[in-house]
N, C-alpha and C. Protein backbone atom coordinates (compact mmCIF):
# COMPACT_ATOMS: atom_id res chain seq x y z
N MET A 1 0.78 39.66 -24.54
CA MET A 1 0.94 38.87 -25.76
C MET A 1 2.28 39.21 -26.41
N ARG A 2 3.07 38.20 -26.67
CA ARG A 2 4.36 38.38 -27.32
C ARG A 2 4.19 38.21 -28.83
N VAL A 3 4.58 39.22 -29.58
CA VAL A 3 4.35 39.26 -31.02
C VAL A 3 5.68 39.39 -31.75
N LEU A 4 5.88 38.54 -32.75
CA LEU A 4 7.02 38.66 -33.64
C LEU A 4 6.53 39.14 -35.00
N ILE A 5 7.08 40.24 -35.49
CA ILE A 5 6.75 40.78 -36.80
C ILE A 5 7.93 40.57 -37.73
N LEU A 6 7.69 39.88 -38.84
CA LEU A 6 8.73 39.63 -39.84
C LEU A 6 8.40 40.39 -41.12
N ASP A 7 9.26 41.30 -41.50
CA ASP A 7 9.12 42.05 -42.75
C ASP A 7 9.90 41.30 -43.82
N GLY A 8 9.17 40.72 -44.77
CA GLY A 8 9.79 39.89 -45.78
C GLY A 8 10.07 40.58 -47.10
N HIS A 9 9.96 41.91 -47.15
CA HIS A 9 10.25 42.63 -48.40
C HIS A 9 11.74 42.90 -48.50
N PRO A 10 12.34 42.68 -49.66
CA PRO A 10 13.78 42.94 -49.81
C PRO A 10 14.15 44.42 -49.70
N ASP A 11 13.18 45.32 -49.84
CA ASP A 11 13.45 46.75 -49.80
C ASP A 11 12.68 47.41 -48.67
N GLU A 12 13.24 48.45 -48.10
CA GLU A 12 12.52 49.23 -47.11
C GLU A 12 11.71 50.32 -47.80
N GLY A 13 10.77 50.91 -47.07
CA GLY A 13 9.98 51.99 -47.61
C GLY A 13 8.92 51.55 -48.60
N ARG A 14 8.48 50.31 -48.53
CA ARG A 14 7.47 49.80 -49.46
C ARG A 14 6.15 49.59 -48.74
N LEU A 15 5.13 49.18 -49.49
CA LEU A 15 3.80 48.99 -48.91
C LEU A 15 3.82 47.98 -47.77
N VAL A 16 4.60 46.93 -47.90
CA VAL A 16 4.68 45.92 -46.84
C VAL A 16 5.08 46.57 -45.52
N GLY A 17 6.11 47.40 -45.54
CA GLY A 17 6.55 48.07 -44.32
C GLY A 17 5.49 48.98 -43.75
N HIS A 18 4.76 49.67 -44.63
CA HIS A 18 3.69 50.56 -44.16
C HIS A 18 2.57 49.77 -43.49
N LEU A 19 2.18 48.66 -44.09
CA LEU A 19 1.14 47.83 -43.48
C LEU A 19 1.58 47.32 -42.11
N LEU A 20 2.85 46.97 -41.99
CA LEU A 20 3.35 46.50 -40.69
C LEU A 20 3.42 47.63 -39.68
N ASP A 21 3.72 48.84 -40.12
CA ASP A 21 3.66 49.99 -39.22
C ASP A 21 2.25 50.16 -38.65
N LEU A 22 1.26 50.04 -39.53
CA LEU A 22 -0.13 50.16 -39.10
C LEU A 22 -0.50 49.04 -38.13
N TYR A 23 -0.06 47.84 -38.44
CA TYR A 23 -0.36 46.69 -37.57
C TYR A 23 0.25 46.90 -36.20
N ARG A 24 1.51 47.32 -36.17
CA ARG A 24 2.18 47.53 -34.88
C ARG A 24 1.48 48.60 -34.06
N ALA A 25 1.08 49.68 -34.69
CA ALA A 25 0.42 50.76 -33.96
C ALA A 25 -0.91 50.30 -33.38
N ALA A 26 -1.62 49.43 -34.10
CA ALA A 26 -2.93 48.97 -33.64
C ALA A 26 -2.84 47.90 -32.57
N LEU A 27 -1.67 47.32 -32.36
CA LEU A 27 -1.52 46.32 -31.30
C LEU A 27 -1.65 46.92 -29.92
N GLY A 28 -1.24 48.16 -29.78
CA GLY A 28 -1.31 48.80 -28.47
C GLY A 28 -0.03 48.59 -27.67
N ASP A 29 0.07 49.34 -26.60
CA ASP A 29 1.30 49.35 -25.81
C ASP A 29 1.46 48.11 -24.93
N ASP A 30 0.38 47.35 -24.73
CA ASP A 30 0.49 46.19 -23.84
C ASP A 30 1.11 44.98 -24.53
N ALA A 31 1.27 45.04 -25.86
CA ALA A 31 1.89 43.94 -26.60
C ALA A 31 3.41 44.05 -26.51
N GLU A 32 4.05 42.91 -26.32
CA GLU A 32 5.51 42.85 -26.33
C GLU A 32 5.95 42.45 -27.73
N VAL A 33 6.51 43.40 -28.48
CA VAL A 33 6.72 43.23 -29.91
C VAL A 33 8.20 43.22 -30.26
N GLU A 34 8.60 42.25 -31.07
CA GLU A 34 9.91 42.25 -31.70
C GLU A 34 9.70 42.29 -33.21
N ARG A 35 10.36 43.22 -33.86
CA ARG A 35 10.21 43.37 -35.32
C ARG A 35 11.55 43.10 -35.99
N ILE A 36 11.52 42.24 -37.00
CA ILE A 36 12.73 41.85 -37.70
C ILE A 36 12.50 42.00 -39.20
N ALA A 37 13.42 42.67 -39.88
CA ALA A 37 13.40 42.76 -41.34
C ALA A 37 14.36 41.72 -41.90
N VAL A 38 13.85 40.82 -42.69
CA VAL A 38 14.67 39.73 -43.22
C VAL A 38 15.85 40.28 -44.02
N ARG A 39 15.63 41.39 -44.72
CA ARG A 39 16.69 41.97 -45.55
C ARG A 39 17.90 42.42 -44.74
N GLU A 40 17.73 42.63 -43.44
CA GLU A 40 18.82 43.11 -42.60
C GLU A 40 19.59 41.98 -41.93
N LEU A 41 19.17 40.75 -42.15
CA LEU A 41 19.81 39.61 -41.50
C LEU A 41 20.99 39.10 -42.32
N ALA A 42 21.99 38.61 -41.64
CA ALA A 42 23.16 38.04 -42.29
C ALA A 42 23.11 36.52 -42.13
N PHE A 43 22.77 35.81 -43.20
CA PHE A 43 22.70 34.35 -43.16
C PHE A 43 22.74 33.80 -44.57
N ASP A 44 23.11 32.55 -44.69
CA ASP A 44 23.09 31.84 -45.96
C ASP A 44 21.65 31.37 -46.19
N PRO A 45 20.96 31.86 -47.23
CA PRO A 45 19.57 31.47 -47.44
C PRO A 45 19.39 30.10 -48.08
N VAL A 46 20.47 29.41 -48.36
CA VAL A 46 20.39 28.10 -49.02
C VAL A 46 20.54 26.99 -47.98
N LEU A 47 19.53 26.13 -47.88
CA LEU A 47 19.63 24.95 -47.03
C LEU A 47 20.42 23.89 -47.79
N ARG A 48 21.61 23.62 -47.36
CA ARG A 48 22.51 22.74 -48.10
C ARG A 48 22.42 21.30 -47.58
N ARG A 49 22.26 20.36 -48.51
CA ARG A 49 22.17 18.92 -48.21
C ARG A 49 20.95 18.57 -47.38
N GLY A 50 19.90 19.39 -47.51
CA GLY A 50 18.65 19.08 -46.83
C GLY A 50 18.84 18.95 -45.33
N TYR A 51 18.30 17.87 -44.77
CA TYR A 51 18.42 17.63 -43.33
C TYR A 51 19.46 16.55 -43.02
N LYS A 52 20.30 16.22 -43.99
CA LYS A 52 21.26 15.13 -43.80
C LYS A 52 22.40 15.52 -42.87
N VAL A 53 22.76 16.79 -42.89
CA VAL A 53 23.83 17.28 -42.02
C VAL A 53 23.34 18.53 -41.31
N VAL A 54 23.95 18.84 -40.19
CA VAL A 54 23.60 20.06 -39.45
C VAL A 54 24.26 21.25 -40.12
N GLN A 55 23.46 22.22 -40.49
CA GLN A 55 23.97 23.48 -41.02
C GLN A 55 23.81 24.53 -39.92
N PRO A 56 24.87 24.87 -39.22
CA PRO A 56 24.74 25.72 -38.04
C PRO A 56 24.05 27.04 -38.34
N TRP A 57 23.21 27.46 -37.41
CA TRP A 57 22.56 28.76 -37.52
C TRP A 57 23.56 29.89 -37.30
N GLU A 58 23.49 30.88 -38.14
CA GLU A 58 24.21 32.12 -37.89
C GLU A 58 23.55 32.85 -36.73
N PRO A 59 24.23 33.80 -36.09
CA PRO A 59 23.64 34.52 -34.95
C PRO A 59 22.27 35.13 -35.26
N ASP A 60 22.09 35.67 -36.46
CA ASP A 60 20.79 36.26 -36.79
C ASP A 60 19.69 35.20 -36.87
N LEU A 61 20.02 34.01 -37.32
CA LEU A 61 19.01 32.94 -37.34
C LEU A 61 18.72 32.44 -35.94
N GLU A 62 19.72 32.45 -35.07
CA GLU A 62 19.46 32.11 -33.67
C GLU A 62 18.46 33.10 -33.07
N ARG A 63 18.61 34.36 -33.42
CA ARG A 63 17.67 35.38 -32.94
C ARG A 63 16.26 35.10 -33.45
N VAL A 64 16.14 34.80 -34.75
CA VAL A 64 14.82 34.52 -35.32
C VAL A 64 14.21 33.28 -34.68
N GLY A 65 14.98 32.22 -34.56
CA GLY A 65 14.47 31.00 -33.96
C GLY A 65 13.99 31.21 -32.54
N ALA A 66 14.76 31.95 -31.75
CA ALA A 66 14.36 32.23 -30.37
C ALA A 66 13.10 33.07 -30.32
N ALA A 67 12.96 34.02 -31.26
CA ALA A 67 11.77 34.87 -31.28
C ALA A 67 10.53 34.07 -31.68
N ILE A 68 10.67 33.14 -32.62
CA ILE A 68 9.55 32.29 -32.99
C ILE A 68 9.14 31.41 -31.81
N ALA A 69 10.12 30.84 -31.14
CA ALA A 69 9.82 29.98 -30.00
C ALA A 69 9.10 30.75 -28.90
N ALA A 70 9.46 32.01 -28.70
CA ALA A 70 8.91 32.79 -27.59
C ALA A 70 7.57 33.43 -27.90
N CYS A 71 7.23 33.60 -29.17
CA CYS A 71 6.06 34.41 -29.51
C CYS A 71 4.75 33.67 -29.25
N ASP A 72 3.72 34.46 -29.02
CA ASP A 72 2.34 33.96 -29.01
C ASP A 72 1.69 34.16 -30.37
N HIS A 73 2.12 35.21 -31.07
CA HIS A 73 1.50 35.56 -32.34
C HIS A 73 2.60 36.01 -33.30
N LEU A 74 2.55 35.48 -34.51
CA LEU A 74 3.53 35.80 -35.55
C LEU A 74 2.84 36.58 -36.66
N VAL A 75 3.49 37.64 -37.11
CA VAL A 75 3.00 38.41 -38.25
C VAL A 75 4.08 38.40 -39.32
N VAL A 76 3.74 37.91 -40.50
CA VAL A 76 4.68 37.87 -41.62
C VAL A 76 4.05 38.64 -42.78
N ALA A 77 4.83 39.53 -43.39
CA ALA A 77 4.32 40.29 -44.54
C ALA A 77 5.34 40.26 -45.66
N PHE A 78 4.85 40.13 -46.89
CA PHE A 78 5.75 40.06 -48.04
C PHE A 78 4.96 40.33 -49.32
N PRO A 79 5.66 40.72 -50.40
CA PRO A 79 5.01 40.81 -51.71
C PRO A 79 5.00 39.45 -52.37
N MET A 80 3.95 39.15 -53.09
CA MET A 80 3.89 37.89 -53.83
C MET A 80 4.54 38.09 -55.18
N TRP A 81 5.62 37.37 -55.40
CA TRP A 81 6.34 37.41 -56.68
C TRP A 81 6.36 36.01 -57.26
N TRP A 82 5.88 35.87 -58.50
CA TRP A 82 5.82 34.57 -59.16
C TRP A 82 5.09 33.54 -58.30
N GLY A 83 4.01 34.00 -57.68
CA GLY A 83 3.16 33.10 -56.91
C GLY A 83 3.69 32.71 -55.56
N SER A 84 4.77 33.36 -55.10
CA SER A 84 5.42 32.94 -53.87
C SER A 84 6.00 34.14 -53.14
N GLU A 85 6.65 33.86 -52.02
CA GLU A 85 7.34 34.89 -51.26
C GLU A 85 8.72 35.16 -51.90
N PRO A 86 9.33 36.31 -51.63
CA PRO A 86 10.67 36.58 -52.15
C PRO A 86 11.69 35.54 -51.67
N ALA A 87 12.76 35.39 -52.43
CA ALA A 87 13.71 34.30 -52.22
C ALA A 87 14.34 34.34 -50.83
N GLU A 88 14.66 35.53 -50.33
CA GLU A 88 15.35 35.59 -49.04
C GLU A 88 14.44 35.12 -47.91
N LEU A 89 13.15 35.45 -47.99
CA LEU A 89 12.21 34.96 -46.98
C LEU A 89 12.05 33.45 -47.10
N LYS A 90 11.98 32.94 -48.33
CA LYS A 90 11.91 31.49 -48.52
C LYS A 90 13.13 30.81 -47.92
N GLY A 91 14.30 31.42 -48.11
CA GLY A 91 15.51 30.86 -47.52
C GLY A 91 15.47 30.85 -46.01
N LEU A 92 14.89 31.89 -45.42
CA LEU A 92 14.75 31.93 -43.96
C LEU A 92 13.88 30.78 -43.48
N LEU A 93 12.78 30.52 -44.17
CA LEU A 93 11.91 29.41 -43.80
C LEU A 93 12.66 28.08 -43.90
N ASP A 94 13.40 27.90 -44.99
CA ASP A 94 14.16 26.66 -45.16
C ASP A 94 15.16 26.44 -44.03
N ARG A 95 15.81 27.49 -43.60
CA ARG A 95 16.87 27.37 -42.61
C ARG A 95 16.35 27.26 -41.18
N VAL A 96 15.21 27.89 -40.89
CA VAL A 96 14.75 27.98 -39.50
C VAL A 96 13.72 26.92 -39.14
N LEU A 97 12.79 26.62 -40.04
CA LEU A 97 11.71 25.69 -39.70
C LEU A 97 12.20 24.25 -39.89
N LEU A 98 13.03 23.84 -38.97
CA LEU A 98 13.71 22.55 -39.06
C LEU A 98 12.97 21.44 -38.31
N PRO A 99 13.16 20.19 -38.72
CA PRO A 99 12.63 19.08 -37.92
C PRO A 99 13.26 19.07 -36.54
N GLY A 100 12.43 18.79 -35.55
CA GLY A 100 12.88 18.84 -34.16
C GLY A 100 12.62 20.17 -33.51
N PHE A 101 12.48 21.21 -34.32
CA PHE A 101 12.12 22.55 -33.82
C PHE A 101 10.71 22.93 -34.24
N ALA A 102 10.41 22.84 -35.53
CA ALA A 102 9.11 23.25 -36.04
C ALA A 102 8.15 22.07 -36.25
N PHE A 103 8.67 20.90 -36.52
CA PHE A 103 7.83 19.71 -36.76
C PHE A 103 8.67 18.48 -36.49
N ARG A 104 7.99 17.33 -36.37
CA ARG A 104 8.69 16.06 -36.19
C ARG A 104 7.87 14.95 -36.84
N TYR A 105 8.45 14.29 -37.83
CA TYR A 105 7.77 13.19 -38.50
C TYR A 105 7.67 11.98 -37.58
N HIS A 106 6.57 11.23 -37.71
CA HIS A 106 6.42 9.98 -36.99
C HIS A 106 7.25 8.90 -37.69
N LYS A 107 7.69 7.95 -36.91
CA LYS A 107 8.54 6.88 -37.46
C LYS A 107 7.74 5.84 -38.23
N ASP A 108 6.52 5.53 -37.76
CA ASP A 108 5.79 4.39 -38.31
C ASP A 108 4.52 4.76 -39.06
N ASP A 109 4.30 6.04 -39.33
CA ASP A 109 3.14 6.44 -40.13
C ASP A 109 3.50 7.72 -40.88
N PRO A 110 2.63 8.17 -41.80
CA PRO A 110 2.99 9.32 -42.63
C PRO A 110 2.72 10.68 -41.98
N PHE A 111 2.40 10.69 -40.70
CA PHE A 111 1.99 11.93 -40.06
C PHE A 111 3.14 12.58 -39.29
N TRP A 112 2.84 13.67 -38.62
CA TRP A 112 3.89 14.44 -37.96
C TRP A 112 3.31 15.21 -36.79
N ASP A 113 4.20 15.64 -35.89
CA ASP A 113 3.83 16.50 -34.77
C ASP A 113 4.11 17.94 -35.15
N ARG A 114 3.15 18.79 -34.84
CA ARG A 114 3.30 20.23 -35.09
C ARG A 114 3.89 20.88 -33.84
N LEU A 115 5.18 21.12 -33.86
CA LEU A 115 5.89 21.50 -32.65
C LEU A 115 5.75 22.97 -32.29
N LEU A 116 5.14 23.77 -33.16
CA LEU A 116 4.92 25.18 -32.85
C LEU A 116 3.44 25.46 -32.58
N ALA A 117 2.71 24.43 -32.18
CA ALA A 117 1.29 24.60 -31.84
C ALA A 117 1.14 25.54 -30.65
N GLY A 118 -0.04 26.14 -30.57
CA GLY A 118 -0.31 27.08 -29.49
C GLY A 118 0.08 28.50 -29.83
N ARG A 119 0.43 28.73 -31.09
CA ARG A 119 0.76 30.07 -31.57
C ARG A 119 -0.15 30.40 -32.75
N SER A 120 -0.49 31.65 -32.89
CA SER A 120 -1.33 32.10 -34.00
C SER A 120 -0.49 32.93 -34.96
N ALA A 121 -1.05 33.22 -36.13
CA ALA A 121 -0.28 33.98 -37.12
C ALA A 121 -1.20 34.76 -38.04
N ASP A 122 -0.70 35.91 -38.46
CA ASP A 122 -1.28 36.68 -39.56
C ASP A 122 -0.24 36.76 -40.66
N VAL A 123 -0.64 36.45 -41.88
CA VAL A 123 0.22 36.57 -43.05
C VAL A 123 -0.39 37.63 -43.96
N LEU A 124 0.36 38.68 -44.22
CA LEU A 124 -0.10 39.79 -45.06
C LEU A 124 0.64 39.73 -46.38
N VAL A 125 -0.11 39.65 -47.48
CA VAL A 125 0.49 39.45 -48.80
C VAL A 125 0.05 40.57 -49.73
N THR A 126 1.01 41.32 -50.27
CA THR A 126 0.68 42.31 -51.29
C THR A 126 0.86 41.67 -52.66
N THR A 127 0.00 42.05 -53.58
CA THR A 127 -0.01 41.38 -54.88
C THR A 127 -0.52 42.32 -55.97
N ASP A 128 -0.02 42.12 -57.18
CA ASP A 128 -0.55 42.84 -58.34
C ASP A 128 -1.77 42.14 -58.92
N THR A 129 -2.03 40.92 -58.51
CA THR A 129 -3.12 40.12 -59.06
C THR A 129 -4.39 40.34 -58.26
N PRO A 130 -5.52 40.65 -58.90
CA PRO A 130 -6.78 40.76 -58.16
C PRO A 130 -7.08 39.46 -57.40
N SER A 131 -7.66 39.61 -56.23
CA SER A 131 -7.89 38.45 -55.37
C SER A 131 -8.75 37.40 -56.05
N TRP A 132 -9.78 37.83 -56.77
CA TRP A 132 -10.68 36.86 -57.40
C TRP A 132 -9.95 36.07 -58.49
N PHE A 133 -9.05 36.74 -59.23
CA PHE A 133 -8.31 36.05 -60.28
C PHE A 133 -7.29 35.09 -59.68
N LEU A 134 -6.66 35.52 -58.59
CA LEU A 134 -5.71 34.65 -57.91
C LEU A 134 -6.39 33.37 -57.43
N ARG A 135 -7.62 33.51 -56.99
CA ARG A 135 -8.35 32.35 -56.48
C ARG A 135 -8.83 31.43 -57.59
N PHE A 136 -9.51 32.00 -58.59
CA PHE A 136 -10.18 31.15 -59.57
C PHE A 136 -9.26 30.72 -60.71
N ALA A 137 -8.29 31.53 -61.07
CA ALA A 137 -7.39 31.16 -62.17
C ALA A 137 -6.21 30.33 -61.69
N TYR A 138 -5.71 30.64 -60.48
CA TYR A 138 -4.50 29.98 -60.00
C TYR A 138 -4.72 29.08 -58.80
N GLY A 139 -5.90 29.12 -58.20
CA GLY A 139 -6.17 28.26 -57.06
C GLY A 139 -5.57 28.72 -55.75
N ASN A 140 -5.28 30.04 -55.66
CA ASN A 140 -4.74 30.61 -54.41
C ASN A 140 -3.49 29.88 -53.92
N PRO A 141 -2.47 29.75 -54.75
CA PRO A 141 -1.31 28.93 -54.34
C PRO A 141 -0.60 29.45 -53.11
N VAL A 142 -0.45 30.76 -52.99
CA VAL A 142 0.28 31.29 -51.84
C VAL A 142 -0.48 31.02 -50.54
N VAL A 143 -1.80 31.11 -50.60
CA VAL A 143 -2.62 30.82 -49.42
C VAL A 143 -2.52 29.34 -49.06
N ARG A 144 -2.63 28.49 -50.05
CA ARG A 144 -2.60 27.04 -49.80
C ARG A 144 -1.24 26.60 -49.24
N ARG A 145 -0.16 27.18 -49.75
CA ARG A 145 1.17 26.79 -49.26
C ARG A 145 1.37 27.21 -47.81
N TRP A 146 1.06 28.48 -47.52
CA TRP A 146 1.31 28.96 -46.16
C TRP A 146 0.38 28.29 -45.15
N ARG A 147 -0.82 27.97 -45.58
CA ARG A 147 -1.76 27.33 -44.65
C ARG A 147 -1.46 25.84 -44.49
N GLY A 148 -1.19 25.16 -45.57
CA GLY A 148 -1.05 23.71 -45.49
C GLY A 148 0.37 23.19 -45.38
N GLN A 149 1.35 23.96 -45.90
CA GLN A 149 2.70 23.41 -46.02
C GLN A 149 3.78 24.22 -45.31
N ILE A 150 3.40 25.35 -44.72
CA ILE A 150 4.42 26.15 -44.02
C ILE A 150 3.98 26.37 -42.58
N LEU A 151 3.33 27.47 -42.27
CA LEU A 151 2.99 27.76 -40.87
C LEU A 151 1.95 26.79 -40.32
N GLY A 152 0.93 26.49 -41.11
CA GLY A 152 -0.06 25.53 -40.64
C GLY A 152 0.53 24.15 -40.42
N PHE A 153 1.46 23.76 -41.25
CA PHE A 153 2.16 22.48 -41.12
C PHE A 153 2.89 22.39 -39.78
N CYS A 154 3.38 23.54 -39.30
CA CYS A 154 4.15 23.57 -38.06
C CYS A 154 3.30 23.81 -36.82
N GLY A 155 1.99 24.06 -37.01
CA GLY A 155 1.10 24.16 -35.86
C GLY A 155 0.49 25.51 -35.60
N PHE A 156 0.82 26.53 -36.38
CA PHE A 156 0.22 27.85 -36.15
C PHE A 156 -1.28 27.80 -36.46
N LYS A 157 -2.07 28.17 -35.46
CA LYS A 157 -3.52 28.13 -35.59
C LYS A 157 -4.14 28.95 -34.46
N PRO A 158 -5.04 29.87 -34.78
CA PRO A 158 -5.54 30.27 -36.09
C PRO A 158 -4.44 30.89 -36.97
N LEU A 159 -4.61 30.70 -38.25
CA LEU A 159 -3.70 31.26 -39.24
C LEU A 159 -4.54 32.04 -40.24
N ARG A 160 -4.37 33.36 -40.22
CA ARG A 160 -5.16 34.24 -41.08
C ARG A 160 -4.26 34.78 -42.19
N ILE A 161 -4.68 34.59 -43.42
CA ILE A 161 -3.90 35.06 -44.57
C ILE A 161 -4.74 36.11 -45.30
N THR A 162 -4.19 37.31 -45.39
CA THR A 162 -4.92 38.44 -45.96
C THR A 162 -4.15 39.01 -47.13
N LYS A 163 -4.82 39.14 -48.27
CA LYS A 163 -4.18 39.66 -49.48
C LYS A 163 -4.55 41.13 -49.67
N PHE A 164 -3.59 41.91 -50.16
CA PHE A 164 -3.79 43.32 -50.42
C PHE A 164 -3.41 43.58 -51.88
N GLY A 165 -4.43 43.82 -52.70
CA GLY A 165 -4.15 44.03 -54.10
C GLY A 165 -5.44 44.27 -54.88
N PRO A 166 -5.29 44.62 -56.17
CA PRO A 166 -4.02 44.80 -56.85
C PRO A 166 -3.32 46.10 -56.44
N VAL A 167 -2.00 46.04 -56.40
CA VAL A 167 -1.20 47.20 -56.01
C VAL A 167 -0.99 48.14 -57.19
N ARG A 168 -0.79 47.60 -58.38
CA ARG A 168 -0.46 48.43 -59.53
C ARG A 168 -1.69 49.18 -60.05
N GLN A 169 -1.45 50.05 -61.02
CA GLN A 169 -2.50 50.83 -61.67
C GLN A 169 -3.31 51.64 -60.66
N GLY A 170 -2.60 52.26 -59.71
CA GLY A 170 -3.27 53.12 -58.75
C GLY A 170 -3.99 52.40 -57.64
N GLY A 171 -3.74 51.10 -57.49
CA GLY A 171 -4.46 50.33 -56.48
C GLY A 171 -4.18 50.80 -55.06
N ILE A 172 -2.94 51.21 -54.79
CA ILE A 172 -2.62 51.67 -53.44
C ILE A 172 -3.42 52.91 -53.10
N GLN A 173 -3.42 53.88 -54.00
CA GLN A 173 -4.14 55.12 -53.73
C GLN A 173 -5.64 54.88 -53.54
N LYS A 174 -6.19 53.98 -54.34
CA LYS A 174 -7.63 53.73 -54.26
C LYS A 174 -8.03 52.94 -53.02
N ASN A 175 -7.15 52.08 -52.54
CA ASN A 175 -7.55 51.11 -51.52
C ASN A 175 -6.87 51.27 -50.17
N LEU A 176 -5.93 52.21 -50.04
CA LEU A 176 -5.12 52.26 -48.83
C LEU A 176 -5.96 52.48 -47.58
N ALA A 177 -6.97 53.32 -47.65
CA ALA A 177 -7.80 53.58 -46.46
C ALA A 177 -8.51 52.30 -46.02
N ALA A 178 -9.04 51.55 -46.98
CA ALA A 178 -9.72 50.29 -46.65
C ALA A 178 -8.71 49.27 -46.13
N TRP A 179 -7.53 49.22 -46.72
CA TRP A 179 -6.51 48.30 -46.24
C TRP A 179 -6.07 48.64 -44.82
N GLN A 180 -5.99 49.93 -44.53
CA GLN A 180 -5.61 50.33 -43.18
C GLN A 180 -6.63 49.82 -42.17
N ARG A 181 -7.91 49.98 -42.48
CA ARG A 181 -8.94 49.49 -41.56
C ARG A 181 -8.86 47.98 -41.38
N LYS A 182 -8.57 47.29 -42.47
CA LYS A 182 -8.46 45.82 -42.40
C LYS A 182 -7.30 45.41 -41.50
N VAL A 183 -6.14 46.05 -41.67
CA VAL A 183 -4.97 45.74 -40.86
C VAL A 183 -5.24 46.05 -39.39
N GLU A 184 -5.87 47.17 -39.12
CA GLU A 184 -6.16 47.54 -37.74
C GLU A 184 -7.10 46.55 -37.08
N ARG A 185 -8.07 46.03 -37.83
CA ARG A 185 -8.97 45.02 -37.27
C ARG A 185 -8.22 43.73 -36.96
N LEU A 186 -7.33 43.34 -37.84
CA LEU A 186 -6.54 42.13 -37.59
C LEU A 186 -5.71 42.28 -36.32
N ALA A 187 -5.03 43.41 -36.19
CA ALA A 187 -4.17 43.62 -35.02
C ALA A 187 -4.98 43.69 -33.74
N ALA A 188 -6.11 44.39 -33.80
CA ALA A 188 -6.92 44.57 -32.60
C ALA A 188 -7.51 43.26 -32.10
N SER A 189 -7.74 42.32 -33.01
CA SER A 189 -8.35 41.04 -32.63
C SER A 189 -7.33 39.96 -32.32
N ALA A 190 -6.05 40.23 -32.53
CA ALA A 190 -5.03 39.19 -32.38
C ALA A 190 -4.96 38.63 -30.97
N SER A 191 -5.09 39.50 -29.98
CA SER A 191 -4.94 39.03 -28.60
C SER A 191 -6.07 38.10 -28.19
N GLY A 192 -7.22 38.18 -28.86
CA GLY A 192 -8.36 37.36 -28.51
C GLY A 192 -8.45 36.04 -29.25
N LEU A 193 -7.48 35.74 -30.09
CA LEU A 193 -7.51 34.48 -30.84
C LEU A 193 -7.33 33.28 -29.91
N ARG A 194 -8.05 32.21 -30.18
CA ARG A 194 -7.96 31.00 -29.37
C ARG A 194 -6.88 30.10 -29.96
N ARG A 195 -5.77 30.00 -29.26
CA ARG A 195 -4.58 29.35 -29.80
C ARG A 195 -4.45 27.88 -29.44
N GLY A 196 -5.22 27.39 -28.53
CA GLY A 196 -5.08 26.00 -28.14
C GLY A 196 -3.89 25.78 -27.22
N THR A 197 -3.56 24.52 -27.01
CA THR A 197 -2.49 24.17 -26.08
C THR A 197 -1.13 24.50 -26.69
N ARG A 198 -0.35 25.22 -25.93
CA ARG A 198 0.95 25.67 -26.42
C ARG A 198 2.01 24.59 -26.21
N ARG A 199 2.80 24.36 -27.23
CA ARG A 199 3.97 23.49 -27.12
C ARG A 199 5.20 24.37 -26.99
N GLU A 200 6.01 24.08 -26.01
CA GLU A 200 7.24 24.85 -25.83
C GLU A 200 8.28 24.35 -26.84
N ALA A 201 8.65 25.22 -27.73
CA ALA A 201 9.59 24.84 -28.79
C ALA A 201 10.99 24.65 -28.22
N VAL A 202 11.67 23.65 -28.74
CA VAL A 202 13.03 23.34 -28.31
C VAL A 202 13.99 23.80 -29.41
N LEU A 203 14.80 24.79 -29.09
CA LEU A 203 15.75 25.30 -30.07
C LEU A 203 16.83 24.26 -30.33
N PRO A 204 17.21 24.07 -31.58
CA PRO A 204 18.25 23.08 -31.89
C PRO A 204 19.61 23.53 -31.37
N VAL A 205 20.35 22.60 -30.80
CA VAL A 205 21.72 22.87 -30.37
C VAL A 205 22.61 22.54 -31.55
N GLN A 206 22.97 23.57 -32.31
CA GLN A 206 23.67 23.30 -33.57
C GLN A 206 24.70 24.35 -33.90
N SER A 207 24.80 25.39 -33.11
CA SER A 207 25.70 26.47 -33.48
C SER A 207 27.14 26.21 -33.10
N GLY A 208 27.36 25.23 -32.20
CA GLY A 208 28.71 24.99 -31.73
C GLY A 208 29.15 25.95 -30.66
N ARG A 209 28.22 26.81 -30.22
CA ARG A 209 28.58 27.80 -29.21
C ARG A 209 27.87 27.53 -27.88
N ALA A 210 27.10 26.43 -27.82
CA ALA A 210 26.36 26.13 -26.59
C ALA A 210 27.30 25.57 -25.52
């Protein structure tokens, strides 16, 4: 199983990185793993002029795109800030999940093809908000976006979204052992997920170096 791990925290040495360390260890030696920290990538996080013109991928984005295309299972982890992922991770999504690579709209109806089908994903979200409050007061916006409008939109299925919180007020110390067990269960079960028919992703020829 080929696994891509994306660390979406702007800082190293945080809970997100620790959870990903645990996930990687629980995958076992038979998994082929590539781990990328978004904070270490050199790219323009702003998608300029939408899809009207080609904005060439920087070398680091070419690496991310190729890793997404090659993976069987994607793991993304980030802290939830203002109900969403950090800006740099959002910019990565804007730049990489392009039409023709991640999805393709139909010409004569409102639907689309999910071009990254046949891949599964785990999304790990750390949050200061208790899970029950996030669900009932806010309607679970981060879960709904990633499931319906980001990875699920592009074909990732099964897509498991797991929240870890609250982090503040001693939450890490009180819950870390339980969170570790949860992460280990996710990693151990990843290889057995039923992914459906795989679509081979076509990387965009846009860098000018092909």
